[in-house]
């Protein structure tokens, strides 16, 4: 029974990593470009932010926090998967 609990946590953490990754991508995409680059390549205004100039500093802070949480969740996920695989190898198979 406990083996299935570890699998459940693994799936939940996997969904959390994917969700946080998507949020990170969206946060990076809505930020203002510093040097032009690809920001104006698609016909948009390269130097303007959709939420104003003061919001750019907040987006950088929010992005850094989300990146830190994303890395932390990935490290926890690796520990859960490693514990699950070690546990499944150590348990003997039931033979009849």
N, C-alpha and C. Protein backbone atom coordinates (compact mmCIF):
# COMPACT_ATOMS: atom_id res chain seq x y z
N UNK A 1 0.81 -1.20 0.00
CA UNK A 1 0.00 0.00 0.00
C UNK A 1 0.85 1.27 0.00
N UNK A 2 1.93 1.27 0.76
CA UNK A 2 2.78 2.46 0.84
C UNK A 2 3.48 2.75 -0.49
N UNK A 3 3.69 1.71 -1.27
CA UNK A 3 4.32 1.90 -2.58
C UNK A 3 3.44 2.75 -3.49
N UNK A 4 2.13 2.54 -3.41
CA UNK A 4 1.23 3.33 -4.24
C UNK A 4 1.17 4.78 -3.77
N UNK A 5 1.37 5.01 -2.48
CA UNK A 5 1.38 6.39 -1.97
C UNK A 5 2.55 7.16 -2.54
N UNK A 6 3.72 6.51 -2.64
CA UNK A 6 4.89 7.19 -3.20
C UNK A 6 4.67 7.49 -4.68
N UNK A 7 4.01 6.59 -5.39
CA UNK A 7 3.71 6.85 -6.80
C UNK A 7 2.75 8.02 -6.94
N UNK A 8 1.81 8.14 -6.03
CA UNK A 8 0.84 9.24 -6.07
C UNK A 8 1.55 10.57 -5.86
N UNK A 9 2.47 10.63 -4.90
CA UNK A 9 3.25 11.85 -4.67
C UNK A 9 4.10 12.20 -5.89
N UNK A 10 4.63 11.18 -6.52
CA UNK A 10 5.47 11.41 -7.69
C UNK A 10 4.66 12.05 -8.82
N UNK A 11 3.45 11.55 -9.04
CA UNK A 11 2.61 12.13 -10.09
C UNK A 11 2.18 13.55 -9.75
N UNK A 12 1.87 13.79 -8.49
CA UNK A 12 1.48 15.13 -8.07
C UNK A 12 2.64 16.11 -8.25
N UNK A 13 3.83 15.70 -7.84
CA UNK A 13 5.00 16.57 -7.99
C UNK A 13 5.34 16.80 -9.46
N UNK A 14 5.12 15.79 -10.29
CA UNK A 14 5.37 15.94 -11.72
C UNK A 14 4.44 16.99 -12.32
N UNK A 15 3.16 16.94 -11.96
CA UNK A 15 2.21 17.96 -12.43
C UNK A 15 2.58 19.35 -11.91
N UNK A 16 3.05 19.41 -10.67
CA UNK A 16 3.45 20.70 -10.10
C UNK A 16 4.65 21.28 -10.84
N UNK A 17 5.62 20.44 -11.17
CA UNK A 17 6.81 20.90 -11.92
C UNK A 17 6.39 21.42 -13.29
N UNK A 18 5.51 20.69 -13.96
CA UNK A 18 5.04 21.13 -15.29
C UNK A 18 4.27 22.44 -15.18
N UNK A 19 3.39 22.56 -14.20
CA UNK A 19 2.62 23.79 -14.02
C UNK A 19 3.50 24.98 -13.70
N UNK A 20 4.46 24.80 -12.79
CA UNK A 20 5.38 25.89 -12.47
C UNK A 20 6.24 26.27 -13.67
N UNK A 21 6.62 25.28 -14.47
CA UNK A 21 7.40 25.57 -15.68
C UNK A 21 6.61 26.42 -16.67
N UNK A 22 5.33 26.09 -16.82
CA UNK A 22 4.49 26.89 -17.73
C UNK A 22 4.32 28.32 -17.22
N UNK A 23 4.13 28.47 -15.90
CA UNK A 23 4.00 29.82 -15.32
C UNK A 23 5.30 30.59 -15.51
N UNK A 24 6.44 29.93 -15.32
CA UNK A 24 7.73 30.59 -15.54
C UNK A 24 7.88 31.05 -16.98
N UNK A 25 7.47 30.20 -17.93
CA UNK A 25 7.57 30.60 -19.34
C UNK A 25 6.71 31.83 -19.62
N UNK A 26 5.50 31.86 -19.07
CA UNK A 26 4.63 33.01 -19.28
C UNK A 26 5.20 34.26 -18.64
N UNK A 27 5.76 34.13 -17.44
CA UNK A 27 6.36 35.29 -16.78
C UNK A 27 7.54 35.84 -17.58
N UNK A 28 8.36 34.98 -18.13
CA UNK A 28 9.49 35.44 -18.92
C UNK A 28 9.01 36.11 -20.21
N UNK A 29 7.97 35.54 -20.81
CA UNK A 29 7.50 36.10 -22.09
C UNK A 29 6.84 37.47 -21.95
N UNK A 30 6.24 37.77 -20.79
CA UNK A 30 5.58 39.08 -20.66
C UNK A 30 6.53 40.16 -20.18
N UNK A 31 7.78 39.80 -19.85
CA UNK A 31 8.72 40.81 -19.40
C UNK A 31 9.26 41.62 -20.57
N UNK A 32 9.69 42.82 -20.25
CA UNK A 32 10.24 43.72 -21.25
C UNK A 32 11.65 43.28 -21.60
N UNK A 33 11.97 43.32 -22.89
CA UNK A 33 13.31 42.96 -23.33
C UNK A 33 14.30 44.06 -23.00
N UNK A 34 15.50 43.70 -22.57
CA UNK A 34 16.50 44.70 -22.18
C UNK A 34 17.22 45.30 -23.39
N UNK A 35 17.56 44.45 -24.37
CA UNK A 35 18.36 44.96 -25.46
C UNK A 35 17.69 44.86 -26.82
N UNK A 36 16.38 44.79 -26.86
CA UNK A 36 15.72 44.60 -28.14
C UNK A 36 15.66 43.13 -28.46
N UNK A 37 16.66 42.62 -29.12
CA UNK A 37 16.76 41.19 -29.41
C UNK A 37 15.50 40.67 -30.08
N UNK A 38 14.92 39.64 -29.51
CA UNK A 38 13.71 39.06 -30.07
C UNK A 38 12.44 39.80 -29.65
N UNK A 39 12.56 40.77 -28.76
CA UNK A 39 11.38 41.47 -28.27
C UNK A 39 10.64 42.19 -29.40
N UNK A 40 11.36 42.78 -30.33
CA UNK A 40 10.70 43.49 -31.42
C UNK A 40 10.73 42.75 -32.73
N UNK A 41 11.15 41.50 -32.72
CA UNK A 41 11.30 40.75 -33.96
C UNK A 41 9.96 40.39 -34.61
N UNK A 42 8.91 40.34 -33.82
CA UNK A 42 7.62 39.93 -34.35
C UNK A 42 6.67 41.09 -34.56
N UNK A 43 7.21 42.29 -34.67
CA UNK A 43 6.41 43.45 -35.00
C UNK A 43 5.86 44.21 -33.81
N UNK A 44 6.14 43.74 -32.60
CA UNK A 44 5.66 44.44 -31.41
C UNK A 44 6.59 45.56 -31.02
N UNK A 45 6.15 46.33 -30.06
CA UNK A 45 7.00 47.40 -29.54
C UNK A 45 8.04 46.77 -28.63
N UNK A 46 9.30 46.90 -28.98
CA UNK A 46 10.36 46.23 -28.24
C UNK A 46 10.67 46.83 -26.89
N UNK A 47 10.45 48.13 -26.72
CA UNK A 47 10.85 48.77 -25.48
C UNK A 47 9.74 48.95 -24.48
N UNK A 48 8.54 48.51 -24.77
CA UNK A 48 7.44 48.77 -23.85
C UNK A 48 7.00 47.49 -23.17
N UNK A 49 6.57 47.65 -21.95
CA UNK A 49 6.04 46.52 -21.18
C UNK A 49 4.52 46.66 -21.15
N UNK A 50 3.77 45.56 -21.19
CA UNK A 50 2.33 45.67 -21.20
C UNK A 50 1.74 46.21 -19.90
N UNK A 51 2.52 46.22 -18.81
CA UNK A 51 1.98 46.66 -17.53
C UNK A 51 2.69 47.89 -16.98
N UNK A 52 3.49 48.55 -17.79
CA UNK A 52 4.18 49.75 -17.36
C UNK A 52 5.61 49.47 -16.95
N UNK A 53 6.37 50.53 -16.70
CA UNK A 53 7.79 50.37 -16.40
C UNK A 53 8.05 49.93 -14.96
N UNK A 54 7.19 50.30 -14.02
CA UNK A 54 7.39 49.92 -12.62
C UNK A 54 7.12 48.43 -12.41
N UNK A 55 6.29 47.85 -13.25
CA UNK A 55 5.94 46.44 -13.10
C UNK A 55 7.09 45.53 -13.50
N UNK A 56 8.04 46.05 -14.28
CA UNK A 56 9.16 45.21 -14.74
C UNK A 56 10.00 44.73 -13.57
N UNK A 57 10.23 45.59 -12.59
CA UNK A 57 11.01 45.19 -11.42
C UNK A 57 10.27 44.10 -10.63
N UNK A 58 8.97 44.23 -10.50
CA UNK A 58 8.19 43.22 -9.80
C UNK A 58 8.20 41.89 -10.54
N UNK A 59 8.13 41.93 -11.88
CA UNK A 59 8.15 40.69 -12.65
C UNK A 59 9.49 39.96 -12.49
N UNK A 60 10.57 40.70 -12.38
CA UNK A 60 11.88 40.06 -12.17
C UNK A 60 11.89 39.36 -10.81
N UNK A 61 11.38 40.01 -9.78
CA UNK A 61 11.35 39.41 -8.44
C UNK A 61 10.43 38.18 -8.42
N UNK A 62 9.27 38.30 -9.03
CA UNK A 62 8.33 37.18 -9.07
C UNK A 62 8.93 36.01 -9.85
N UNK A 63 9.61 36.31 -10.95
CA UNK A 63 10.24 35.26 -11.76
C UNK A 63 11.33 34.55 -10.96
N UNK A 64 12.13 35.29 -10.21
CA UNK A 64 13.18 34.67 -9.41
C UNK A 64 12.58 33.79 -8.31
N UNK A 65 11.51 34.23 -7.68
CA UNK A 65 10.85 33.41 -6.66
C UNK A 65 10.28 32.13 -7.26
N UNK A 66 9.61 32.25 -8.40
CA UNK A 66 9.06 31.07 -9.06
C UNK A 66 10.17 30.11 -9.49
N UNK A 67 11.28 30.64 -9.95
CA UNK A 67 12.39 29.78 -10.35
C UNK A 67 12.96 29.04 -9.14
N UNK A 68 13.07 29.71 -8.01
CA UNK A 68 13.54 29.06 -6.79
C UNK A 68 12.61 27.96 -6.32
N UNK A 69 11.31 28.24 -6.35
CA UNK A 69 10.33 27.23 -5.96
C UNK A 69 10.35 26.06 -6.94
N UNK A 70 10.52 26.36 -8.22
CA UNK A 70 10.58 25.31 -9.25
C UNK A 70 11.76 24.37 -9.01
N UNK A 71 12.93 24.94 -8.71
CA UNK A 71 14.12 24.13 -8.44
C UNK A 71 13.91 23.30 -7.17
N UNK A 72 13.32 23.89 -6.14
CA UNK A 72 13.06 23.17 -4.89
C UNK A 72 12.11 22.00 -5.12
N UNK A 73 11.05 22.21 -5.90
CA UNK A 73 10.10 21.14 -6.18
C UNK A 73 10.78 20.03 -7.00
N UNK A 74 11.66 20.39 -7.92
CA UNK A 74 12.37 19.38 -8.70
C UNK A 74 13.28 18.56 -7.79
N UNK A 75 13.97 19.19 -6.85
CA UNK A 75 14.82 18.44 -5.93
C UNK A 75 14.00 17.50 -5.05
N UNK A 76 12.85 17.94 -4.58
CA UNK A 76 11.97 17.08 -3.79
C UNK A 76 11.47 15.92 -4.65
N UNK A 77 11.14 16.21 -5.90
CA UNK A 77 10.66 15.17 -6.80
C UNK A 77 11.73 14.11 -7.04
N UNK A 78 12.97 14.52 -7.20
CA UNK A 78 14.07 13.57 -7.39
C UNK A 78 14.21 12.68 -6.16
N UNK A 79 14.11 13.25 -4.96
CA UNK A 79 14.21 12.46 -3.74
C UNK A 79 13.07 11.46 -3.64
N UNK A 80 11.85 11.87 -3.99
CA UNK A 80 10.70 10.96 -3.92
C UNK A 80 10.86 9.82 -4.90
N UNK A 81 11.28 10.11 -6.12
CA UNK A 81 11.45 9.06 -7.13
C UNK A 81 12.60 8.13 -6.73
N UNK A 82 13.69 8.70 -6.22
CA UNK A 82 14.83 7.88 -5.79
C UNK A 82 14.42 6.96 -4.64
N UNK A 83 13.67 7.47 -3.67
CA UNK A 83 13.20 6.66 -2.55
C UNK A 83 12.26 5.57 -3.04
N UNK A 84 11.42 5.90 -4.01
CA UNK A 84 10.47 4.92 -4.54
C UNK A 84 11.19 3.80 -5.28
N UNK A 85 12.20 4.12 -6.07
CA UNK A 85 12.91 3.08 -6.82
C UNK A 85 13.77 2.22 -5.89
N UNK A 86 14.41 2.83 -4.90
CA UNK A 86 15.21 2.05 -3.94
C UNK A 86 14.30 1.13 -3.15
N UNK A 87 13.16 1.61 -2.76
CA UNK A 87 12.22 0.81 -1.99
C UNK A 87 11.67 -0.35 -2.82
N UNK A 88 11.38 -0.12 -4.10
CA UNK A 88 10.84 -1.19 -4.93
C UNK A 88 11.89 -2.24 -5.24
N UNK A 89 13.17 -1.87 -5.28
CA UNK A 89 14.24 -2.84 -5.51
C UNK A 89 14.49 -3.67 -4.26
N UNK A 90 14.39 -3.06 -3.08
CA UNK A 90 14.66 -3.76 -1.82
C UNK A 90 13.57 -4.74 -1.42
N UNK A 91 12.34 -4.50 -1.84
CA UNK A 91 11.25 -5.39 -1.43
C UNK A 91 11.29 -6.66 -2.29
N UNK A 92 11.25 -7.81 -1.64
CA UNK A 92 11.28 -9.06 -2.42
C UNK A 92 9.96 -9.31 -3.13
N UNK A 93 10.06 -9.98 -4.24
CA UNK A 93 8.87 -10.31 -5.01
C UNK A 93 8.12 -11.45 -4.32
N UNK A 94 6.82 -11.38 -4.33
CA UNK A 94 5.99 -12.43 -3.73
C UNK A 94 5.77 -13.51 -4.79
N UNK A 95 6.18 -14.71 -4.45
CA UNK A 95 6.00 -15.83 -5.37
C UNK A 95 5.02 -16.82 -4.77
N UNK A 96 4.26 -17.44 -5.62
CA UNK A 96 3.28 -18.43 -5.13
C UNK A 96 3.57 -19.78 -5.71
